Amino acid sequence: VAPLPWKGAVLAPEGVYDGEITPFSRQKPVLRFYP
């Protein structure tokens, strides 16, 4: 029930993009790239 963080990842030829988002939060999503 709580709007807890969601994590996601995308594999691309140049590396992995991952991020975390908390629904209904004023904070911007935290996104990282690992080449």
PDB file of all heavy atoms in Angstrom:
ATOM      1  N   VAL A   1       0.797  -1.212   0.000  1.00  0.00           N
ATOM      2  CA  VAL A   1       0.000   0.000   0.000  1.00  0.00           C
ATOM      3  C   VAL A   1       0.835   1.270   0.000  1.00  0.00           C
ATOM      4  O   VAL A   1       0.422   2.272  -0.534  1.00  0.00           O
ATOM      5  CB  VAL A   1      -0.980   0.022   1.200  1.00  0.00           C
ATOM      6  CG1 VAL A   1      -2.047  -1.020   1.022  1.00  0.00           C
ATOM      7  CG2 VAL A   1      -0.259  -0.154   2.515  1.00  0.00           C
ATOM      8  N   ALA A   2       1.999   1.248   0.592  1.00  0.00           N
ATOM      9  CA  ALA A   2       2.830   2.445   0.674  1.00  0.00           C
ATOM     10  C   ALA A   2       3.519   2.705  -0.667  1.00  0.00           C
ATOM     11  O   ALA A   2       3.911   1.771  -1.350  1.00  0.00           O
ATOM     12  CB  ALA A   2       3.882   2.275   1.773  1.00  0.00           C
ATOM     13  N   PRO A   3       3.670   3.969  -1.044  1.00  0.00           N
ATOM     14  CA  PRO A   3       4.361   4.288  -2.302  1.00  0.00           C
ATOM     15  C   PRO A   3       5.880   4.185  -2.121  1.00  0.00           C
ATOM     16  O   PRO A   3       6.587   5.180  -2.086  1.00  0.00           O
ATOM     17  CB  PRO A   3       3.912   5.724  -2.590  1.00  0.00           C
ATOM     18  CG  PRO A   3       3.639   6.293  -1.245  1.00  0.00           C
ATOM     19  CD  PRO A   3       3.123   5.159  -0.399  1.00  0.00           C
ATOM     20  N   LEU A   4       6.362   2.984  -1.989  1.00  0.00           N
ATOM     21  CA  LEU A   4       7.788   2.753  -1.784  1.00  0.00           C
ATOM     22  C   LEU A   4       8.538   2.834  -3.106  1.00  0.00           C
ATOM     23  O   LEU A   4       7.933   2.781  -4.171  1.00  0.00           O
ATOM     24  CB  LEU A   4       7.999   1.385  -1.131  1.00  0.00           C
ATOM     25  CG  LEU A   4       7.368   1.253   0.260  1.00  0.00           C
ATOM     26  CD1 LEU A   4       7.488  -0.167   0.752  1.00  0.00           C
ATOM     27  CD2 LEU A   4       8.010   2.221   1.236  1.00  0.00           C
ATOM     28  N   PRO A   5       9.847   2.943  -3.017  1.00  0.00           N
ATOM     29  CA  PRO A   5      10.629   3.075  -4.262  1.00  0.00           C
ATOM     30  C   PRO A   5      10.507   1.870  -5.186  1.00  0.00           C
ATOM     31  O   PRO A   5      10.364   0.741  -4.748  1.00  0.00           O
ATOM     32  CB  PRO A   5      12.067   3.183  -3.749  1.00  0.00           C
ATOM     33  CG  PRO A   5      11.969   3.553  -2.324  1.00  0.00           C
ATOM     34  CD  PRO A   5      10.673   3.008  -1.828  1.00  0.00           C
ATOM     35  N   TRP A   6      10.572   2.180  -6.457  1.00  0.00           N
ATOM     36  CA  TRP A   6      10.658   1.174  -7.511  1.00  0.00           C
ATOM     37  C   TRP A   6      12.040   1.301  -8.121  1.00  0.00           C
ATOM     38  O   TRP A   6      12.555   2.398  -8.296  1.00  0.00           O
ATOM     39  CB  TRP A   6       9.618   1.426  -8.594  1.00  0.00           C
ATOM     40  CG  TRP A   6       8.234   1.018  -8.201  1.00  0.00           C
ATOM     41  CD1 TRP A   6       7.389   1.693  -7.378  1.00  0.00           C
ATOM     42  CD2 TRP A   6       7.535  -0.146  -8.628  1.00  0.00           C
ATOM     43  NE1 TRP A   6       6.206   1.014  -7.259  1.00  0.00           N
ATOM     44  CE2 TRP A   6       6.268  -0.113  -8.020  1.00  0.00           C
ATOM     45  CE3 TRP A   6       7.858  -1.203  -9.466  1.00  0.00           C
ATOM     46  CZ2 TRP A   6       5.330  -1.107  -8.221  1.00  0.00           C
ATOM     47  CZ3 TRP A   6       6.918  -2.197  -9.675  1.00  0.00           C
ATOM     48  CH2 TRP A   6       5.665  -2.136  -9.059  1.00  0.00           C
ATOM     49  N   LYS A   7      12.643   0.172  -8.446  1.00  0.00           N
ATOM     50  CA  LYS A   7      13.950   0.168  -9.098  1.00  0.00           C
ATOM     51  C   LYS A   7      13.785  -0.398 -10.489  1.00  0.00           C
ATOM     52  O   LYS A   7      12.955  -1.270 -10.723  1.00  0.00           O
ATOM     53  CB  LYS A   7      14.950  -0.676  -8.310  1.00  0.00           C
ATOM     54  CG  LYS A   7      15.284  -0.081  -6.955  1.00  0.00           C
ATOM     55  CD  LYS A   7      16.325  -0.927  -6.243  1.00  0.00           C
ATOM     56  CE  LYS A   7      16.634  -0.333  -4.903  1.00  0.00           C
ATOM     57  NZ  LYS A   7      17.788   0.518  -4.927  1.00  0.00           N
ATOM     58  N   GLY A   8      14.591   0.104 -11.401  1.00  0.00           N
ATOM     59  CA  GLY A   8      14.539  -0.387 -12.764  1.00  0.00           C
ATOM     60  C   GLY A   8      15.918  -0.405 -13.377  1.00  0.00           C
ATOM     61  O   GLY A   8      16.822   0.289 -12.913  1.00  0.00           O
ATOM     62  N   ALA A   9      16.097  -1.204 -14.407  1.00  0.00           N
ATOM     63  CA  ALA A   9      17.377  -1.275 -15.111  1.00  0.00           C
ATOM     64  C   ALA A   9      17.126  -1.531 -16.584  1.00  0.00           C
ATOM     65  O   ALA A   9      16.151  -2.189 -16.954  1.00  0.00           O
ATOM     66  CB  ALA A   9      18.247  -2.383 -14.525  1.00  0.00           C
ATOM     67  N   VAL A  10      18.021  -1.000 -17.405  1.00  0.00           N
ATOM     68  CA  VAL A  10      17.975  -1.216 -18.842  1.00  0.00           C
ATOM     69  C   VAL A  10      19.381  -1.568 -19.296  1.00  0.00           C
ATOM     70  O   VAL A  10      20.336  -0.846 -18.988  1.00  0.00           O
ATOM     71  CB  VAL A  10      17.487   0.042 -19.595  1.00  0.00           C
ATOM     72  CG1 VAL A  10      17.561  -0.157 -21.099  1.00  0.00           C
ATOM     73  CG2 VAL A  10      16.085   0.422 -19.165  1.00  0.00           C
ATOM     74  N   LEU A  11      19.519  -2.688 -20.005  1.00  0.00           N
ATOM     75  CA  LEU A  11      20.798  -3.096 -20.569  1.00  0.00           C
ATOM     76  C   LEU A  11      20.884  -2.562 -21.987  1.00  0.00           C
ATOM     77  O   LEU A  11      20.014  -2.822 -22.820  1.00  0.00           O
ATOM     78  CB  LEU A  11      20.908  -4.624 -20.581  1.00  0.00           C
ATOM     79  CG  LEU A  11      22.161  -5.209 -21.217  1.00  0.00           C
ATOM     80  CD1 LEU A  11      23.409  -4.779 -20.445  1.00  0.00           C
ATOM     81  CD2 LEU A  11      22.067  -6.723 -21.258  1.00  0.00           C
ATOM     82  N   ALA A  12      21.922  -1.783 -22.253  1.00  0.00           N
ATOM     83  CA  ALA A  12      22.170  -1.228 -23.579  1.00  0.00           C
ATOM     84  C   ALA A  12      23.573  -1.647 -24.016  1.00  0.00           C
ATOM     85  O   ALA A  12      24.379  -2.056 -23.182  1.00  0.00           O
ATOM     86  CB  ALA A  12      22.055   0.295 -23.521  1.00  0.00           C
ATOM     87  N   PRO A  13      23.876  -1.550 -25.293  1.00  0.00           N
ATOM     88  CA  PRO A  13      25.214  -1.951 -25.748  1.00  0.00           C
ATOM     89  C   PRO A  13      26.347  -1.228 -25.021  1.00  0.00           C
ATOM     90  O   PRO A  13      27.417  -1.791 -24.802  1.00  0.00           O
ATOM     91  CB  PRO A  13      25.208  -1.593 -27.236  1.00  0.00           C
ATOM     92  CG  PRO A  13      23.776  -1.614 -27.624  1.00  0.00           C
ATOM     93  CD  PRO A  13      23.016  -1.161 -26.405  1.00  0.00           C
ATOM     94  N   GLU A  14      26.110  -0.001 -24.606  1.00  0.00           N
ATOM     95  CA  GLU A  14      27.161   0.782 -23.955  1.00  0.00           C
ATOM     96  C   GLU A  14      27.232   0.597 -22.443  1.00  0.00           C
ATOM     97  O   GLU A  14      28.137   1.101 -21.785  1.00  0.00           O
ATOM     98  CB  GLU A  14      27.018   2.267 -24.294  1.00  0.00           C
ATOM     99  CG  GLU A  14      25.742   2.923 -23.775  1.00  0.00           C
ATOM    100  CD  GLU A  14      24.527   2.770 -24.687  1.00  0.00           C
ATOM    101  OE1 GLU A  14      24.555   1.995 -25.659  1.00  0.00           O
ATOM    102  OE2 GLU A  14      23.519   3.427 -24.398  1.00  0.00           O
ATOM    103  N   GLY A  15      26.289  -0.123 -21.843  1.00  0.00           N
ATOM    104  CA  GLY A  15      26.313  -0.352 -20.401  1.00  0.00           C
ATOM    105  C   GLY A  15      24.922  -0.551 -19.839  1.00  0.00           C
ATOM    106  O   GLY A  15      23.987  -0.906 -20.555  1.00  0.00           O
ATOM    107  N   VAL A  16      24.792  -0.299 -18.543  1.00  0.00           N
ATOM    108  CA  VAL A  16      23.513  -0.480 -17.854  1.00  0.00           C
ATOM    109  C   VAL A  16      23.063   0.865 -17.281  1.00  0.00           C
ATOM    110  O   VAL A  16      23.840   1.565 -16.631  1.00  0.00           O
ATOM    111  CB  VAL A  16      23.640  -1.516 -16.711  1.00  0.00           C
ATOM    112  CG1 VAL A  16      22.374  -1.555 -15.874  1.00  0.00           C
ATOM    113  CG2 VAL A  16      23.939  -2.899 -17.282  1.00  0.00           C
ATOM    114  N   TYR A  17      21.821   1.186 -17.557  1.00  0.00           N
ATOM    115  CA  TYR A  17      21.181   2.359 -16.964  1.00  0.00           C
ATOM    116  C   TYR A  17      20.289   1.828 -15.852  1.00  0.00           C
ATOM    117  O   TYR A  17      19.525   0.894 -16.074  1.00  0.00           O
ATOM    118  CB  TYR A  17      20.319   3.085 -17.991  1.00  0.00           C
ATOM    119  CG  TYR A  17      21.092   3.660 -19.148  1.00  0.00           C
ATOM    120  CD1 TYR A  17      21.388   2.882 -20.267  1.00  0.00           C
ATOM    121  CD2 TYR A  17      21.525   4.978 -19.119  1.00  0.00           C
ATOM    122  CE1 TYR A  17      22.100   3.410 -21.338  1.00  0.00           C
ATOM    123  CE2 TYR A  17      22.238   5.514 -20.182  1.00  0.00           C
ATOM    124  CZ  TYR A  17      22.522   4.723 -21.291  1.00  0.00           C
ATOM    125  OH  TYR A  17      23.225   5.244 -22.341  1.00  0.00           O
ATOM    126  N   ASP A  18      20.401   2.389 -14.665  1.00  0.00           N
ATOM    127  CA  ASP A  18      19.465   1.978 -13.622  1.00  0.00           C
ATOM    128  C   ASP A  18      18.967   3.203 -12.890  1.00  0.00           C
ATOM    129  O   ASP A  18      19.537   4.287 -12.966  1.00  0.00           O
ATOM    130  CB  ASP A  18      20.041   0.911 -12.686  1.00  0.00           C
ATOM    131  CG  ASP A  18      20.951   1.427 -11.599  1.00  0.00           C
ATOM    132  OD1 ASP A  18      21.214   2.643 -11.527  1.00  0.00           O
ATOM    133  OD2 ASP A  18      21.411   0.618 -10.789  1.00  0.00           O
ATOM    134  N   GLY A  19      17.847   3.022 -12.232  1.00  0.00           N
ATOM    135  CA  GLY A  19      17.250   4.150 -11.555  1.00  0.00           C
ATOM    136  C   GLY A  19      16.304   3.714 -10.464  1.00  0.00           C
ATOM    137  O   GLY A  19      15.975   2.536 -10.324  1.00  0.00           O
ATOM    138  N   GLU A  20      15.915   4.694  -9.686  1.00  0.00           N
ATOM    139  CA  GLU A  20      14.970   4.463  -8.598  1.00  0.00           C
ATOM    140  C   GLU A  20      14.011   5.634  -8.569  1.00  0.00           C
ATOM    141  O   GLU A  20      14.408   6.787  -8.696  1.00  0.00           O
ATOM    142  CB  GLU A  20      15.716   4.364  -7.267  1.00  0.00           C
ATOM    143  CG  GLU A  20      14.812   4.064  -6.100  1.00  0.00           C
ATOM    144  CD  GLU A  20      15.595   3.870  -4.811  1.00  0.00           C
ATOM    145  OE1 GLU A  20      16.459   2.984  -4.771  1.00  0.00           O
ATOM    146  OE2 GLU A  20      15.325   4.616  -3.861  1.00  0.00           O
ATOM    147  N   ILE A  21      12.732   5.315  -8.428  1.00  0.00           N
ATOM    148  CA  ILE A  21      11.708   6.347  -8.371  1.00  0.00           C
ATOM    149  C   ILE A  21      10.740   6.018  -7.236  1.00  0.00           C
ATOM    150  O   ILE A  21      10.424   4.859  -6.992  1.00  0.00           O
ATOM    151  CB  ILE A  21      10.959   6.461  -9.712  1.00  0.00           C
ATOM    152  CG1 ILE A  21      10.003   7.646  -9.692  1.00  0.00           C
ATOM    153  CG2 ILE A  21      10.253   5.162 -10.063  1.00  0.00           C
ATOM    154  CD1 ILE A  21       9.439   7.997 -11.054  1.00  0.00           C
ATOM    155  N   THR A  22      10.313   7.043  -6.526  1.00  0.00           N
ATOM    156  CA  THR A  22       9.326   6.886  -5.470  1.00  0.00           C
ATOM    157  C   THR A  22       8.061   7.624  -5.910  1.00  0.00           C
ATOM    158  O   THR A  22       8.093   8.853  -6.074  1.00  0.00           O
ATOM    159  CB  THR A  22       9.836   7.458  -4.131  1.00  0.00           C
ATOM    160  OG1 THR A  22      11.043   6.806  -3.787  1.00  0.00           O
ATOM    161  CG2 THR A  22       8.809   7.264  -3.018  1.00  0.00           C
ATOM    162  N   PRO A  23       6.985   6.892  -6.143  1.00  0.00           N
ATOM    163  CA  PRO A  23       5.746   7.545  -6.570  1.00  0.00           C
ATOM    164  C   PRO A  23       5.286   8.601  -5.564  1.00  0.00           C
ATOM    165  O   PRO A  23       5.457   8.442  -4.354  1.00  0.00           O
ATOM    166  CB  PRO A  23       4.738   6.393  -6.643  1.00  0.00           C
ATOM    167  CG  PRO A  23       5.573   5.171  -6.788  1.00  0.00           C
ATOM    168  CD  PRO A  23       6.850   5.452  -6.044  1.00  0.00           C
ATOM    169  N   PHE A  24       4.731   9.670  -6.068  1.00  0.00           N
ATOM    170  CA  PHE A  24       4.160  10.760  -5.264  1.00  0.00           C
ATOM    171  C   PHE A  24       5.215  11.498  -4.440  1.00  0.00           C
ATOM    172  O   PHE A  24       4.874  12.234  -3.520  1.00  0.00           O
ATOM    173  CB  PHE A  24       3.040  10.259  -4.342  1.00  0.00           C
ATOM    174  CG  PHE A  24       2.043   9.396  -5.042  1.00  0.00           C
ATOM    175  CD1 PHE A  24       1.934   8.059  -4.730  1.00  0.00           C
ATOM    176  CD2 PHE A  24       1.221   9.917  -6.037  1.00  0.00           C
ATOM    177  CE1 PHE A  24       1.026   7.242  -5.382  1.00  0.00           C
ATOM    178  CE2 PHE A  24       0.311   9.115  -6.700  1.00  0.00           C
ATOM    179  CZ  PHE A  24       0.204   7.771  -6.379  1.00  0.00           C
ATOM    180  N   SER A  25       6.476  11.324  -4.747  1.00  0.00           N
ATOM    181  CA  SER A  25       7.543  12.012  -4.016  1.00  0.00           C
ATOM    182  C   SER A  25       7.933  13.279  -4.767  1.00  0.00           C
ATOM    183  O   SER A  25       7.858  13.334  -5.989  1.00  0.00           O
ATOM    184  CB  SER A  25       8.758  11.104  -3.885  1.00  0.00           C
ATOM    185  OG  SER A  25       9.836  11.826  -3.334  1.00  0.00           O
ATOM    186  N   ARG A  26       8.375  14.272  -4.024  1.00  0.00           N
ATOM    187  CA  ARG A  26       8.852  15.503  -4.645  1.00  0.00           C
ATOM    188  C   ARG A  26      10.300  15.367  -5.121  1.00  0.00           C
ATOM    189  O   ARG A  26      10.787  16.196  -5.853  1.00  0.00           O
ATOM    190  CB  ARG A  26       8.751  16.655  -3.661  1.00  0.00           C
ATOM    191  CG  ARG A  26       7.327  17.017  -3.332  1.00  0.00           C
ATOM    192  CD  ARG A  26       7.280  18.158  -2.337  1.00  0.00           C
ATOM    193  NE  ARG A  26       5.946  18.328  -1.821  1.00  0.00           N
ATOM    194  CZ  ARG A  26       5.185  19.367  -2.118  1.00  0.00           C
ATOM    195  NH1 ARG A  26       5.639  20.308  -2.905  1.00  0.00           N
ATOM    196  NH2 ARG A  26       3.976  19.451  -1.626  1.00  0.00           N
ATOM    197  N   GLN A  27      10.965  14.293  -4.680  1.00  0.00           N
ATOM    198  CA  GLN A  27      12.343  14.073  -5.098  1.00  0.00           C
ATOM    199  C   GLN A  27      12.382  13.589  -6.541  1.00  0.00           C
ATOM    200  O   GLN A  27      11.536  12.808  -6.974  1.00  0.00           O
ATOM    201  CB  GLN A  27      13.024  13.039  -4.212  1.00  0.00           C
ATOM    202  CG  GLN A  27      13.216  13.498  -2.797  1.00  0.00           C
ATOM    203  CD  GLN A  27      13.922  12.427  -1.963  1.00  0.00           C
ATOM    204  OE1 GLN A  27      13.961  11.266  -2.345  1.00  0.00           O
ATOM    205  NE2 GLN A  27      14.474  12.834  -0.852  1.00  0.00           N
ATOM    206  N   LYS A  28      13.386  14.061  -7.265  1.00  0.00           N
ATOM    207  CA  LYS A  28      13.569  13.607  -8.638  1.00  0.00           C
ATOM    208  C   LYS A  28      14.090  12.177  -8.619  1.00  0.00           C
ATOM    209  O   LYS A  28      14.758  11.765  -7.675  1.00  0.00           O
ATOM    210  CB  LYS A  28      14.561  14.504  -9.361  1.00  0.00           C
ATOM    211  CG  LYS A  28      14.032  15.900  -9.593  1.00  0.00           C
ATOM    212  CD  LYS A  28      14.994  16.706 -10.410  1.00  0.00           C
ATOM    213  CE  LYS A  28      14.390  18.078 -10.647  1.00  0.00           C
ATOM    214  NZ  LYS A  28      15.210  18.865 -11.551  1.00  0.00           N
ATOM    215  N   PRO A  29      13.793  11.422  -9.662  1.00  0.00           N
ATOM    216  CA  PRO A  29      14.311  10.046  -9.731  1.00  0.00           C
ATOM    217  C   PRO A  29      15.842  10.038  -9.692  1.00  0.00           C
ATOM    218  O   PRO A  29      16.487  10.945 -10.222  1.00  0.00           O
ATOM    219  CB  PRO A  29      13.812   9.539 -11.084  1.00  0.00           C
ATOM    220  CG  PRO A  29      12.685  10.429 -11.445  1.00  0.00           C
ATOM    221  CD  PRO A  29      12.965  11.755 -10.816  1.00  0.00           C
ATOM    222  N   VAL A  30      16.396   9.029  -9.059  1.00  0.00           N
ATOM    223  CA  VAL A  30      17.842   8.854  -9.019  1.00  0.00           C
ATOM    224  C   VAL A  30      18.200   7.936 -10.178  1.00  0.00           C
ATOM    225  O   VAL A  30      17.758   6.789 -10.229  1.00  0.00           O
ATOM    226  CB  VAL A  30      18.279   8.218  -7.670  1.00  0.00           C
ATOM    227  CG1 VAL A  30      19.774   7.965  -7.668  1.00  0.00           C
ATOM    228  CG2 VAL A  30      17.867   9.098  -6.511  1.00  0.00           C
ATOM    229  N   LEU A  31      18.977   8.441 -11.122  1.00  0.00           N
ATOM    230  CA  LEU A  31      19.363   7.675 -12.295  1.00  0.00           C
ATOM    231  C   LEU A  31      20.881   7.553 -12.351  1.00  0.00           C
ATOM    232  O   LEU A  31      21.588   8.502 -12.058  1.00  0.00           O
ATOM    233  CB  LEU A  31      18.855   8.354 -13.568  1.00  0.00           C
ATOM    234  CG  LEU A  31      17.347   8.591 -13.637  1.00  0.00           C
ATOM    235  CD1 LEU A  31      17.001   9.445 -14.844  1.00  0.00           C
ATOM    236  CD2 LEU A  31      16.604   7.277 -13.675  1.00  0.00           C
ATOM    237  N   ARG A  32      21.372   6.368 -12.722  1.00  0.00           N
ATOM    238  CA  ARG A  32      22.809   6.123 -12.828  1.00  0.00           C
ATOM    239  C   ARG A  32      23.106   5.383 -14.129  1.00  0.00           C
ATOM    240  O   ARG A  32      22.279   4.614 -14.607  1.00  0.00           O
ATOM    241  CB  ARG A  32      23.295   5.260 -11.667  1.00  0.00           C
ATOM    242  CG  ARG A  32      23.299   5.960 -10.340  1.00  0.00           C
ATOM    243  CD  ARG A  32      23.768   5.005  -9.235  1.00  0.00           C
ATOM    244  NE  ARG A  32      23.007   5.201  -8.039  1.00  0.00           N
ATOM    245  CZ  ARG A  32      21.859   4.600  -7.716  1.00  0.00           C
ATOM    246  NH1 ARG A  32      21.341   3.706  -8.483  1.00  0.00           N
ATOM    247  NH2 ARG A  32      21.239   4.878  -6.602  1.00  0.00           N
ATOM    248  N   PHE A  33      24.306   5.610 -14.646  1.00  0.00           N
ATOM    249  CA  PHE A  33      24.771   4.868 -15.811  1.00  0.00           C
ATOM    250  C   PHE A  33      26.082   4.187 -15.453  1.00  0.00           C
ATOM    251  O   PHE A  33      26.984   4.806 -14.894  1.00  0.00           O
ATOM    252  CB  PHE A  33      24.975   5.797 -17.010  1.00  0.00           C
ATOM    253  CG  PHE A  33      25.607   5.109 -18.185  1.00  0.00           C
ATOM    254  CD1 PHE A  33      24.926   4.114 -18.868  1.00  0.00           C
ATOM    255  CD2 PHE A  33      26.882   5.441 -18.584  1.00  0.00           C
ATOM    256  CE1 PHE A  33      25.502   3.468 -19.947  1.00  0.00           C
ATOM    257  CE2 PHE A  33      27.471   4.795 -19.669  1.00  0.00           C
ATOM    258  CZ  PHE A  33      26.782   3.812 -20.346  1.00  0.00           C
ATOM    259  N   TYR A  34      26.171   2.892 -15.769  1.00  0.00           N
ATOM    260  CA  TYR A  34      27.381   2.111 -15.540  1.00  0.00           C
ATOM    261  C   TYR A  34      27.889   1.632 -16.891  1.00  0.00           C
ATOM    262  O   TYR A  34      27.322   0.709 -17.479  1.00  0.00           O
ATOM    263  CB  TYR A  34      27.094   0.923 -14.607  1.00  0.00           C
ATOM    264  CG  TYR A  34      26.595   1.390 -13.269  1.00  0.00           C
ATOM    265  CD1 TYR A  34      25.233   1.370 -12.973  1.00  0.00           C
ATOM    266  CD2 TYR A  34      27.464   1.876 -12.323  1.00  0.00           C
ATOM    267  CE1 TYR A  34      24.772   1.822 -11.753  1.00  0.00           C
ATOM    268  CE2 TYR A  34      27.006   2.333 -11.093  1.00  0.00           C
ATOM    269  CZ  TYR A  34      25.655   2.307 -10.822  1.00  0.00           C
ATOM    270  OH  TYR A  34      25.190   2.760  -9.621  1.00  0.00           O
ATOM    271  N   PRO A  35      28.939   2.291 -17.421  1.00  0.00           N
ATOM    272  CA  PRO A  35      29.435   1.911 -18.743  1.00  0.00           C
ATOM    273  C   PRO A  35      30.134   0.561 -18.713  1.00  0.00           C
ATOM    274  O   PRO A  35      30.672   0.139 -17.690  1.00  0.00           O
ATOM    275  CB  PRO A  35      30.421   3.026 -19.085  1.00  0.00           C
ATOM    276  CG  PRO A  35      30.894   3.527 -17.751  1.00  0.00           C
ATOM    277  CD  PRO A  35      29.715   3.364 -16.820  1.00  0.00           C
TER     278      PRO A  35
END
